[in-house]
Amino acid sequence: MVDRNKVCKACDGTGLLADDEEWQYTCTVCGGDGVFQAGDNPEPDAPFSVDENNRTLE
């Protein structure tokens, strides 16, 4: 079981985020693992591409 204090608050531990239209994509805060620990960088490693509707492209 994961320590609730280390669960990513952005995705609530699922590793996925969703936009207004329910398109799901990997959480950019925790990197998709659902865990965010003290000292982790919340910024993505590299800029990511988005489409004209500002949805991430994978």
Protein backbone atom coordinates (compact mmCIF):
# COMPACT_ATOMS: atom_id res chain seq x y z
CA MET A 1 0.00 0.00 0.00
CA VAL A 2 1.23 3.48 -0.87
CA ASP A 3 1.70 6.06 1.87
CA ARG A 4 -1.12 8.62 1.40
CA ASN A 5 1.34 11.44 2.17
CA LYS A 6 3.33 10.50 -0.95
CA VAL A 7 0.40 10.14 -3.36
CA CYS A 8 0.47 12.67 -6.18
CA LYS A 9 -2.15 15.33 -5.48
CA ALA A 10 -2.54 16.21 -9.17
CA CYS A 11 -3.72 12.74 -10.28
CA ASP A 12 -4.72 11.29 -6.87
CA GLY A 13 -2.35 8.39 -7.35
CA THR A 14 -3.78 7.11 -10.64
CA GLY A 15 -0.93 8.39 -12.82
CA LEU A 16 -3.46 9.83 -15.29
CA LEU A 17 -4.97 13.26 -15.80
CA ALA A 18 -8.05 14.09 -17.89
CA ASP A 19 -9.11 17.23 -19.71
CA ASP A 20 -12.61 18.70 -20.07
CA GLU A 21 -13.49 16.22 -22.80
CA GLU A 22 -12.28 13.24 -20.70
CA TRP A 23 -9.17 12.64 -22.84
CA GLN A 24 -6.72 10.96 -20.49
CA TYR A 25 -2.98 11.42 -20.50
CA THR A 26 -0.01 10.62 -18.30
CA CYS A 27 0.31 12.85 -15.25
CA THR A 28 3.01 15.42 -15.92
CA VAL A 29 3.61 16.06 -12.21
CA CYS A 30 4.50 12.54 -11.03
CA GLY A 31 5.47 11.13 -14.43
CA GLY A 32 2.67 8.57 -14.38
CA ASP A 33 3.68 6.53 -11.34
CA GLY A 34 1.17 8.17 -8.96
CA VAL A 35 3.79 8.92 -6.31
CA PHE A 36 5.27 12.32 -5.58
CA GLN A 37 7.94 12.44 -2.90
CA ALA A 38 9.70 15.35 -1.24
CA GLY A 39 12.50 16.53 -3.50
CA ASP A 40 10.81 15.41 -6.76
CA ASN A 41 10.63 18.08 -9.44
CA PRO A 42 7.01 18.80 -10.52
CA GLU A 43 8.18 20.14 -13.89
CA PRO A 44 8.29 17.73 -16.86
CA ASP A 45 11.72 16.59 -18.06
CA ALA A 46 11.15 18.18 -21.46
CA PRO A 47 8.44 20.34 -23.04
CA PHE A 48 5.61 18.29 -24.49
CA SER A 49 3.67 18.82 -27.70
CA VAL A 50 0.04 19.91 -27.69
CA ASP A 51 -2.57 20.15 -30.43
CA GLU A 52 -4.68 23.22 -31.31
CA ASN A 53 -7.04 22.37 -28.41
CA ASN A 54 -4.09 22.29 -25.98
CA ARG A 55 -4.32 18.49 -25.56
CA THR A 56 -1.05 16.67 -25.07
CA LEU A 57 0.20 14.56 -27.94
CA GLU A 58 1.86 11.24 -27.18
